[in-house]
PDB file of N, CA and C in Angstrom:
ATOM      1  N   MET A   1      16.714 142.240 120.859  1.00  0.00           N
ATOM      2  CA  MET A   1      16.609 143.664 122.215  1.00  0.00           C
ATOM      3  C   MET A   1      14.991 143.825 122.488  1.00  0.00           C
ATOM      4  N   PRO A   2      14.653 143.625 123.343  1.00  0.00           N
ATOM      5  CA  PRO A   2      13.057 144.515 123.520  1.00  0.00           C
ATOM      6  C   PRO A   2      13.514 145.462 123.831  1.00  0.00           C
ATOM      7  N   VAL A   3      13.545 146.723 123.149  1.00  0.00           N
ATOM      8  CA  VAL A   3      13.797 148.181 123.155  1.00  0.00           C
ATOM      9  C   VAL A   3      12.465 149.129 122.204  1.00  0.00           C
ATOM     10  N   SER A   4      11.583 149.607 123.560  1.00  0.00           N
ATOM     11  CA  SER A   4      10.631 150.397 122.584  1.00  0.00           C
ATOM     12  C   SER A   4      11.035 151.933 123.202  1.00  0.00           C
ATOM     13  N   ILE A   5      10.602 152.473 121.680  1.00  0.00           N
ATOM     14  CA  ILE A   5      11.027 153.891 121.188  1.00  0.00           C
ATOM     15  C   ILE A   5       9.904 154.617 121.552  1.00  0.00           C
ATOM     16  N   HIS A   6       9.939 155.963 122.116  1.00  0.00           N
ATOM     17  CA  HIS A   6       8.927 156.737 122.363  1.00  0.00           C
ATOM     18  C   HIS A   6       9.623 158.054 122.275  1.00  0.00           C
ATOM     19  N   VAL A   7       8.806 158.988 120.930  1.00  0.00           N
ATOM     20  CA  VAL A   7       9.328 159.914 120.535  1.00  0.00           C
ATOM     21  C   VAL A   7       8.153 160.960 120.951  1.00  0.00           C
ATOM     22  N   THR A   8       9.118 162.105 121.667  1.00  0.00           N
ATOM     23  CA  THR A   8       7.678 163.200 122.085  1.00  0.00           C
ATOM     24  C   THR A   8       7.866 164.353 121.194  1.00  0.00           C
ATOM     25  N   ARG A   9       6.771 165.347 121.362  1.00  0.00           N
ATOM     26  CA  ARG A   9       7.252 166.704 120.599  1.00  0.00           C
ATOM     27  C   ARG A   9       7.216 167.566 122.172  1.00  0.00           C
ATOM     28  N   GLY A  10       7.843 166.495 123.373  1.00  0.00           N
ATOM     29  CA  GLY A  10       7.594 167.356 124.781  1.00  0.00           C
ATOM     30  C   GLY A  10       9.114 168.412 124.347  1.00  0.00           C
ATOM     31  N   GLY A  11      10.257 168.592 123.425  1.00  0.00           N
ATOM     32  CA  GLY A  11      11.115 169.295 123.797  1.00  0.00           C
ATOM     33  C   GLY A  11      10.663 170.606 123.711  1.00  0.00           C
ATOM     34  N   ASP A  12      12.211 171.514 124.010  1.00  0.00           N
ATOM     35  CA  ASP A  12      12.240 172.666 123.878  1.00  0.00           C
ATOM     36  C   ASP A  12      12.598 173.304 122.247  1.00  0.00           C
ATOM     37  N   ARG A  13      12.885 172.350 121.261  1.00  0.00           N
ATOM     38  CA  ARG A  13      13.113 172.270 119.795  1.00  0.00           C
ATOM     39  C   ARG A  13      11.567 171.541 119.521  1.00  0.00           C
ATOM     40  N   ASP A  14      12.023 172.315 118.085  1.00  0.00           N
ATOM     41  CA  ASP A  14      10.760 171.533 117.048  1.00  0.00           C
ATOM     42  C   ASP A  14      11.151 170.399 115.794  1.00  0.00           C
ATOM     43  N   TRP A  15      10.647 169.310 116.037  1.00  0.00           N
ATOM     44  CA  TRP A  15      10.957 168.581 114.662  1.00  0.00           C
ATOM     45  C   TRP A  15      11.257 168.985 113.704  1.00  0.00           C
ATOM     46  N   GLY A  16      10.184 170.335 113.135  1.00  0.00           N
ATOM     47  CA  GLY A  16      10.012 170.810 112.027  1.00  0.00           C
ATOM     48  C   GLY A  16       9.063 169.685 111.440  1.00  0.00           C
ATOM     49  N   ASP A  17       9.295 169.013 110.008  1.00  0.00           N
ATOM     50  CA  ASP A  17       8.501 168.604 109.281  1.00  0.00           C
ATOM     51  C   ASP A  17       9.067 167.337 109.218  1.00  0.00           C
ATOM     52  N   ALA A  18       9.304 166.696 110.088  1.00  0.00           N
ATOM     53  CA  ALA A  18       9.524 164.879 110.405  1.00  0.00           C
ATOM     54  C   ALA A  18       8.289 164.589 111.016  1.00  0.00           C
ATOM     55  N   PRO A  19       7.933 163.810 110.412  1.00  0.00           N
ATOM     56  CA  PRO A  19       7.312 163.017 111.441  1.00  0.00           C
ATOM     57  C   PRO A  19       7.217 162.067 112.224  1.00  0.00           C
ATOM     58  N   LEU A  20       6.964 162.162 113.611  1.00  0.00           N
ATOM     59  CA  LEU A  20       7.199 161.120 114.853  1.00  0.00           C
ATOM     60  C   LEU A  20       7.477 159.717 114.381  1.00  0.00           C
ATOM     61  N   ARG A  21       6.837 159.218 113.284  1.00  0.00           N
ATOM     62  CA  ARG A  21       6.928 157.783 113.053  1.00  0.00           C
ATOM     63  C   ARG A  21       8.205 157.559 112.443  1.00  0.00           C
ATOM     64  N   ASP A  22       8.904 158.515 111.923  1.00  0.00           N
ATOM     65  CA  ASP A  22      10.034 158.268 110.847  1.00  0.00           C
ATOM     66  C   ASP A  22      10.877 158.577 112.035  1.00  0.00           C
ATOM     67  N   ILE A  23      10.742 159.368 112.902  1.00  0.00           N
ATOM     68  CA  ILE A  23      11.914 159.300 113.946  1.00  0.00           C
ATOM     69  C   ILE A  23      12.081 158.182 114.656  1.00  0.00           C
ATOM     70  N   GLU A  24      10.806 157.518 115.131  1.00  0.00           N
ATOM     71  CA  GLU A  24      10.915 156.312 115.687  1.00  0.00           C
ATOM     72  C   GLU A  24      11.538 155.651 114.669  1.00  0.00           C
ATOM     73  N   ALA A  25      11.133 155.373 113.493  1.00  0.00           N
ATOM     74  CA  ALA A  25      11.845 154.348 112.782  1.00  0.00           C
ATOM     75  C   ALA A  25      13.401 154.627 112.543  1.00  0.00           C
ATOM     76  N   VAL A  26      13.773 155.304 112.455  1.00  0.00           N
ATOM     77  CA  VAL A  26      15.374 155.655 112.525  1.00  0.00           C
ATOM     78  C   VAL A  26      16.097 155.395 113.756  1.00  0.00           C
ATOM     79  N   CYS A  27      15.410 155.789 114.694  1.00  0.00           N
ATOM     80  CA  CYS A  27      15.893 155.369 116.142  1.00  0.00           C
ATOM     81  C   CYS A  27      15.763 153.730 116.208  1.00  0.00           C
ATOM     82  N   LYS A  28      14.586 153.204 116.245  1.00  0.00           N
ATOM     83  CA  LYS A  28      14.756 151.450 115.743  1.00  0.00           C
ATOM     84  C   LYS A  28      15.735 150.808 115.046  1.00  0.00           C
ATOM     85  N   SER A  29      16.101 151.568 114.083  1.00  0.00           N
ATOM     86  CA  SER A  29      17.238 150.805 112.560  1.00  0.00           C
ATOM     87  C   SER A  29      18.796 151.161 113.792  1.00  0.00           C
ATOM     88  N   VAL A  30      18.998 152.351 114.532  1.00  0.00           N
ATOM     89  CA  VAL A  30      19.904 152.241 114.980  1.00  0.00           C
ATOM     90  C   VAL A  30      20.190 151.142 116.496  1.00  0.00           C
ATOM     91  N   VAL A  31      19.115 150.651 117.008  1.00  0.00           N
ATOM     92  CA  VAL A  31      18.677 150.103 117.760  1.00  0.00           C
ATOM     93  C   VAL A  31      19.187 148.572 116.981  1.00  0.00           C
ATOM     94  N   LYS A  32      18.706 148.432 116.527  1.00  0.00           N
ATOM     95  CA  LYS A  32      19.267 147.305 115.421  1.00  0.00           C
ATOM     96  C   LYS A  32      20.864 146.923 115.223  1.00  0.00           C
ATOM     97  N   CYS A  33      21.493 148.158 115.346  1.00  0.00           N
ATOM     98  CA  CYS A  33      22.597 147.505 115.159  1.00  0.00           C
ATOM     99  C   CYS A  33      23.516 147.534 116.062  1.00  0.00           C
ATOM    100  N   PHE A  34      22.758 147.437 117.247  1.00  0.00           N
ATOM    101  CA  PHE A  34      23.406 147.108 118.812  1.00  0.00           C
ATOM    102  C   PHE A  34      22.902 145.872 119.176  1.00  0.00           C
ATOM    103  N   ALA A  35      22.553 144.865 118.553  1.00  0.00           N
ATOM    104  CA  ALA A  35      21.885 144.004 118.703  1.00  0.00           C
ATOM    105  C   ALA A  35      22.690 143.166 119.940  1.00  0.00           C
ATOM    106  N   VAL A  36      23.682 143.078 119.554  1.00  0.00           N
ATOM    107  CA  VAL A  36      24.415 142.623 120.861  1.00  0.00           C
ATOM    108  C   VAL A  36      24.195 142.665 122.220  1.00  0.00           C
ATOM    109  N   PHE A  37      23.712 143.777 122.343  1.00  0.00           N
ATOM    110  CA  PHE A  37      23.270 144.323 123.954  1.00  0.00           C
ATOM    111  C   PHE A  37      21.468 143.790 123.975  1.00  0.00           C
ATOM    112  N   ASP A  38      21.239 142.395 124.036  1.00  0.00           N
ATOM    113  CA  ASP A  38      19.916 141.880 123.782  1.00  0.00           C
ATOM    114  C   ASP A  38      19.485 141.337 125.228  1.00  0.00           C
ATOM    115  N   GLN A  39      20.216 141.360 126.400  1.00  0.00           N
ATOM    116  CA  GLN A  39      20.019 140.951 128.010  1.00  0.00           C
ATOM    117  C   GLN A  39      18.895 141.765 128.410  1.00  0.00           C
ATOM    118  N   GLU A  40      18.372 143.124 128.139  1.00  0.00           N
ATOM    119  CA  GLU A  40      17.617 143.946 129.137  1.00  0.00           C
ATOM    120  C   GLU A  40      16.256 144.603 127.923  1.00  0.00           C
ATOM    121  N   ALA A  41      15.362 144.730 128.599  1.00  0.00           N
ATOM    122  CA  ALA A  41      14.075 145.406 128.187  1.00  0.00           C
ATOM    123  C   ALA A  41      14.183 146.704 128.691  1.00  0.00           C
ATOM    124  N   VAL A  42      14.321 147.828 127.782  1.00  0.00           N
ATOM    125  CA  VAL A  42      14.170 149.189 128.133  1.00  0.00           C
ATOM    126  C   VAL A  42      13.293 150.270 127.064  1.00  0.00           C
ATOM    127  N   THR A  43      12.801 150.562 127.785  1.00  0.00           N
ATOM    128  CA  THR A  43      12.026 151.989 127.161  1.00  0.00           C
ATOM    129  C   THR A  43      12.718 153.090 127.204  1.00  0.00           C
ATOM    130  N   ILE A  44      12.588 153.707 125.884  1.00  0.00           N
ATOM    131  CA  ILE A  44      13.586 155.079 125.489  1.00  0.00           C
ATOM    132  C   ILE A  44      12.607 156.154 125.016  1.00  0.00           C
ATOM    133  N   THR A  45      12.701 157.165 125.929  1.00  0.00           N
ATOM    134  CA  THR A  45      11.866 158.467 125.366  1.00  0.00           C
ATOM    135  C   THR A  45      12.845 159.159 124.623  1.00  0.00           C
ATOM    136  N   VAL A  46      12.428 159.549 123.506  1.00  0.00           N
ATOM    137  CA  VAL A  46      13.847 160.691 122.927  1.00  0.00           C
ATOM    138  C   VAL A  46      12.873 162.026 122.683  1.00  0.00           C
ATOM    139  N   SER A  47      13.663 162.749 122.991  1.00  0.00           N
ATOM    140  CA  SER A  47      13.193 164.430 122.747  1.00  0.00           C
ATOM    141  C   SER A  47      13.900 165.382 121.993  1.00  0.00           C
ATOM    142  N   ASN A  48      13.577 166.229 121.314  1.00  0.00           N
ATOM    143  CA  ASN A  48      14.334 166.974 120.633  1.00  0.00           C
ATOM    144  C   ASN A  48      14.605 168.343 121.418  1.00  0.00           C
ATOM    145  N   MET A  49      16.019 168.323 122.339  1.00  0.00           N
ATOM    146  CA  MET A  49      16.145 169.423 123.060  1.00  0.00           C
ATOM    147  C   MET A  49      17.578 170.355 122.701  1.00  0.00           C
ATOM    148  N   SER A  50      17.315 171.386 123.278  1.00  0.00           N
ATOM    149  CA  SER A  50      18.723 172.481 122.361  1.00  0.00           C
ATOM    150  C   SER A  50      19.985 172.179 123.175  1.00  0.00           C
ATOM    151  N   GLU A  51      20.043 171.440 124.655  1.00  0.00           N
ATOM    152  CA  GLU A  51      20.744 170.827 125.377  1.00  0.00           C
ATOM    153  C   GLU A  51      21.512 169.749 124.920  1.00  0.00           C
ATOM    154  N   GLY A  52      20.751 169.132 124.054  1.00  0.00           N
ATOM    155  CA  GLY A  52      21.128 167.613 123.432  1.00  0.00           C
ATOM    156  C   GLY A  52      22.133 167.892 122.288  1.00  0.00           C
ATOM    157  N   PRO A  53      22.769 166.308 122.264  1.00  0.00           N
ATOM    158  CA  PRO A  53      22.280 165.031 122.424  1.00  0.00           C
ATOM    159  C   PRO A  53      23.308 164.854 123.687  1.00  0.00           C
ATOM    160  N   GLN A  54      22.404 163.961 124.297  1.00  0.00           N
ATOM    161  CA  GLN A  54      22.966 163.603 125.692  1.00  0.00           C
ATOM    162  C   GLN A  54      22.040 162.366 126.309  1.00  0.00           C
ATOM    163  N   ALA A  55      22.214 161.877 127.641  1.00  0.00           N
ATOM    164  CA  ALA A  55      21.162 160.764 127.894  1.00  0.00           C
ATOM    165  C   ALA A  55      21.327 160.791 129.261  1.00  0.00           C
ATOM    166  N   ARG A  56      20.091 161.521 129.536  1.00  0.00           N
ATOM    167  CA  ARG A  56      19.144 162.272 130.729  1.00  0.00           C
ATOM    168  C   ARG A  56      19.103 160.859 132.293  1.00  0.00           C
ATOM    169  N   LYS A  57      19.489 161.330 133.373  1.00  0.00           N
ATOM    170  CA  LYS A  57      19.505 160.362 134.108  1.00  0.00           C
ATOM    171  C   LYS A  57      18.294 161.160 135.231  1.00  0.00           C
ATOM    172  N   ASP A  58      17.507 160.508 135.616  1.00  0.00           N
ATOM    173  CA  ASP A  58      16.690 161.014 136.735  1.00  0.00           C
ATOM    174  C   ASP A  58      16.579 159.737 137.713  1.00  0.00           C
ATOM    175  N   PRO A  59      16.041 160.138 138.971  1.00  0.00           N
ATOM    176  CA  PRO A  59      16.015 159.361 139.930  1.00  0.00           C
ATOM    177  C   PRO A  59      14.693 158.752 139.880  1.00  0.00           C
ATOM    178  N   SER A  60      14.033 159.617 139.524  1.00  0.00           N
ATOM    179  CA  SER A  60      12.396 158.906 139.437  1.00  0.00           C
ATOM    180  C   SER A  60      12.010 158.221 137.965  1.00  0.00           C
ATOM    181  N   PHE A  61      13.382 157.874 137.441  1.00  0.00           N
ATOM    182  CA  PHE A  61      12.875 156.902 136.422  1.00  0.00           C
ATOM    183  C   PHE A  61      12.694 155.201 136.853  1.00  0.00           C
ATOM    184  N   ARG A  62      11.685 154.382 136.711  1.00  0.00           N
ATOM    185  CA  ARG A  62      12.017 153.294 137.102  1.00  0.00           C
ATOM    186  C   ARG A  62      12.981 152.638 136.282  1.00  0.00           C
ATOM    187  N   ALA A  63      13.494 150.774 136.642  1.00  0.00           N
ATOM    188  CA  ALA A  63      14.341 150.303 136.260  1.00  0.00           C
ATOM    189  C   ALA A  63      13.848 150.218 134.768  1.00  0.00           C
ATOM    190  N   GLY A  64      14.845 150.167 133.954  1.00  0.00           N
ATOM    191  CA  GLY A  64      14.478 149.908 131.894  1.00  0.00           C
ATOM    192  C   GLY A  64      14.004 150.906 131.580  1.00  0.00           C
ATOM    193  N   GLU A  65      13.581 152.552 132.212  1.00  0.00           N
ATOM    194  CA  GLU A  65      13.543 153.641 131.414  1.00  0.00           C
ATOM    195  C   GLU A  65      14.673 154.351 131.287  1.00  0.00           C
ATOM    196  N   GLU A  66      14.635 155.176 130.227  1.00  0.00           N
ATOM    197  CA  GLU A  66      15.827 155.821 129.249  1.00  0.00           C
ATOM    198  C   GLU A  66      15.118 156.995 129.100  1.00  0.00           C
ATOM    199  N   LEU A  67      15.828 158.298 128.768  1.00  0.00           N
ATOM    200  CA  LEU A  67      15.580 159.318 128.242  1.00  0.00           C
ATOM    201  C   LEU A  67      16.796 159.873 127.597  1.00  0.00           C
ATOM    202  N   VAL A  68      17.013 160.358 126.198  1.00  0.00           N
ATOM    203  CA  VAL A  68      17.775 160.376 125.266  1.00  0.00           C
ATOM    204  C   VAL A  68      17.216 161.765 124.680  1.00  0.00           C
ATOM    205  N   TRP A  69      18.450 163.409 125.010  1.00  0.00           N
ATOM    206  CA  TRP A  69      17.882 164.020 124.065  1.00  0.00           C
ATOM    207  C   TRP A  69      18.717 164.373 123.071  1.00  0.00           C
ATOM    208  N   VAL A  70      18.450 164.561 121.544  1.00  0.00           N
ATOM    209  CA  VAL A  70      18.873 164.664 120.635  1.00  0.00           C
ATOM    210  C   VAL A  70      18.941 166.238 120.405  1.00  0.00           C
ATOM    211  N   SER A  71      19.352 166.876 119.284  1.00  0.00           N
ATOM    212  CA  SER A  71      19.310 168.148 119.081  1.00  0.00           C
ATOM    213  C   SER A  71      19.369 168.091 117.200  1.00  0.00           C
ATOM    214  N   VAL A  72      18.356 168.034 116.976  1.00  0.00           N
ATOM    215  CA  VAL A  72      18.087 167.874 115.261  1.00  0.00           C
ATOM    216  C   VAL A  72      17.240 168.937 114.742  1.00  0.00           C
ATOM    217  N   GLU A  73      17.005 169.250 113.598  1.00  0.00           N
ATOM    218  CA  GLU A  73      16.081 170.191 112.878  1.00  0.00           C
ATOM    219  C   GLU A  73      16.006 169.318 111.542  1.00  0.00           C
ATOM    220  N   GLY A  74      14.492 169.223 111.528  1.00  0.00           N
ATOM    221  CA  GLY A  74      13.907 168.472 110.299  1.00  0.00           C
ATOM    222  C   GLY A  74      14.180 166.935 110.215  1.00  0.00           C
ATOM    223  N   ARG A  75      14.044 166.776 108.789  1.00  0.00           N
ATOM    224  CA  ARG A  75      14.708 165.510 108.267  1.00  0.00           C
ATOM    225  C   ARG A  75      15.508 165.225 107.937  1.00  0.00           C
ATOM    226  N   VAL A  76      17.068 165.503 109.148  1.00  0.00           N
ATOM    227  CA  VAL A  76      18.380 165.413 109.167  1.00  0.00           C
ATOM    228  C   VAL A  76      18.588 164.150 109.456  1.00  0.00           C
ATOM    229  N   TRP A  77      18.374 163.314 108.791  1.00  0.00           N
ATOM    230  CA  TRP A  77      18.355 161.860 109.136  1.00  0.00           C
ATOM    231  C   TRP A  77      19.688 161.236 109.879  1.00  0.00           C
ATOM    232  N   ALA A  78      20.586 161.319 109.140  1.00  0.00           N
ATOM    233  CA  ALA A  78      22.311 161.014 109.761  1.00  0.00           C
ATOM    234  C   ALA A  78      22.210 161.654 110.798  1.00  0.00           C
ATOM    235  N   GLN A  79      22.294 162.756 110.948  1.00  0.00           N
ATOM    236  CA  GLN A  79      22.397 163.385 112.457  1.00  0.00           C
ATOM    237  C   GLN A  79      21.648 162.871 113.589  1.00  0.00           C
ATOM    238  N   LEU A  80      20.427 162.900 113.055  1.00  0.00           N
ATOM    239  CA  LEU A  80      19.151 161.957 114.309  1.00  0.00           C
ATOM    240  C   LEU A  80      19.991 160.340 114.254  1.00  0.00           C
ATOM    241  N   ALA A  81      20.379 159.858 113.672  1.00  0.00           N
ATOM    242  CA  ALA A  81      21.247 158.410 113.773  1.00  0.00           C
ATOM    243  C   ALA A  81      22.116 158.327 114.561  1.00  0.00           C
ATOM    244  N   PHE A  82      23.382 159.117 114.124  1.00  0.00           N
ATOM    245  CA  PHE A  82      24.221 159.601 114.742  1.00  0.00           C
ATOM    246  C   PHE A  82      24.393 160.122 116.278  1.00  0.00           C
ATOM    247  N   GLN A  83      23.120 160.870 116.527  1.00  0.00           N
ATOM    248  CA  GLN A  83      23.222 161.311 117.754  1.00  0.00           C
ATOM    249  C   GLN A  83      22.570 160.217 118.641  1.00  0.00           C
ATOM    250  N   PHE A  84      20.938 159.524 118.181  1.00  0.00           N
ATOM    251  CA  PHE A  84      20.664 158.932 118.990  1.00  0.00           C
ATOM    252  C   PHE A  84      21.808 157.520 119.461  1.00  0.00           C
ATOM    253  N   ALA A  85      22.997 157.101 118.160  1.00  0.00           N
ATOM    254  CA  ALA A  85      23.537 155.789 118.398  1.00  0.00           C
ATOM    255  C   ALA A  85      24.622 156.016 119.242  1.00  0.00           C
ATOM    256  N   HIS A  86      25.155 157.310 119.121  1.00  0.00           N
ATOM    257  CA  HIS A  86      26.027 157.840 120.457  1.00  0.00           C
ATOM    258  C   HIS A  86      25.402 157.738 121.679  1.00  0.00           C
ATOM    259  N   GLU A  87      24.281 158.136 122.206  1.00  0.00           N
ATOM    260  CA  GLU A  87      24.163 157.960 123.453  1.00  0.00           C
ATOM    261  C   GLU A  87      23.408 156.730 123.319  1.00  0.00           C
ATOM    262  N   PHE A  88      22.839 155.876 122.786  1.00  0.00           N
ATOM    263  CA  PHE A  88      22.609 154.505 122.893  1.00  0.00           C
ATOM    264  C   PHE A  88      23.476 153.784 123.498  1.00  0.00           C
ATOM    265  N   TRP A  89      24.359 153.914 122.651  1.00  0.00           N
ATOM    266  CA  TRP A  89      25.798 152.984 122.884  1.00  0.00           C
ATOM    267  C   TRP A  89      26.444 153.235 124.408  1.00  0.00           C
ATOM    268  N   TYR A  90      26.351 154.977 124.612  1.00  0.00           N
ATOM    269  CA  TYR A  90      27.344 155.119 125.595  1.00  0.00           C
ATOM    270  C   TYR A  90      26.382 154.452 126.544  1.00  0.00           C
ATOM    271  N   GLU A  91      25.125 154.253 127.074  1.00  0.00           N
ATOM    272  CA  GLU A  91      24.362 153.643 127.793  1.00  0.00           C
ATOM    273  C   GLU A  91      24.232 152.345 128.245  1.00  0.00           C
ATOM    274  N   ARG A  92      24.821 151.505 127.166  1.00  0.00           N
ATOM    275  CA  ARG A  92      24.965 149.919 126.862  1.00  0.00           C
ATOM    276  C   ARG A  92      26.411 150.257 127.168  1.00  0.00           C
ATOM    277  N   ALA A  93      27.406 150.905 126.836  1.00  0.00           N
ATOM    278  CA  ALA A  93      28.789 150.543 127.004  1.00  0.00           C
ATOM    279  C   ALA A  93      29.111 150.780 128.615  1.00  0.00           C
ATOM    280  N   THR A  94      28.567 151.646 129.196  1.00  0.00           N
ATOM    281  CA  THR A  94      28.889 152.316 130.627  1.00  0.00           C
ATOM    282  C   THR A  94      28.442 151.215 131.419  1.00  0.00           C
ATOM    283  N   ARG A  95      26.851 150.245 130.899  1.00  0.00           N
ATOM    284  CA  ARG A  95      26.528 149.152 131.946  1.00  0.00           C
ATOM    285  C   ARG A  95      27.407 148.316 132.161  1.00  0.00           C
ATOM    286  N   ALA A  96      27.900 147.951 130.831  1.00  0.00           N
ATOM    287  CA  ALA A  96      28.920 146.701 130.806  1.00  0.00           C
ATOM    288  C   ALA A  96      30.365 146.841 131.032  1.00  0.00           C
ATOM    289  N   GLY A  97      30.763 148.250 131.533  1.00  0.00           N
ATOM    290  CA  GLY A  97      31.943 148.418 132.229  1.00  0.00           C
ATOM    291  C   GLY A  97      32.878 148.576 130.890  1.00  0.00           C
ATOM    292  N   CYS A  98      32.372 149.201 129.838  1.00  0.00           N
ATOM    293  CA  CYS A  98      33.499 149.458 128.665  1.00  0.00           C
ATOM    294  C   CYS A  98      33.777 150.637 128.873  1.00  0.00           C
TER     295      CYS A  98
END
């Protein structure tokens, strides 16, 4: 699946001591678990927000752009993986009519 992940420091929560490249790696690992959804190219921006986790919709997004908010602190990789996987799956399942 051609999925691009972009992790930003632009959220209202701090990632703590977690390097952005490690956060991105966790999200990419999640994407590999859902390889069955390989029909579309998508760019996902991941932000750490107090109102997360949720997948955000915005009419200004171009086709293939998504925004996922997670709410994690530091290197809690399991929590990050769970939250991102839930939102990633939700978007795919909704489009597939599940």
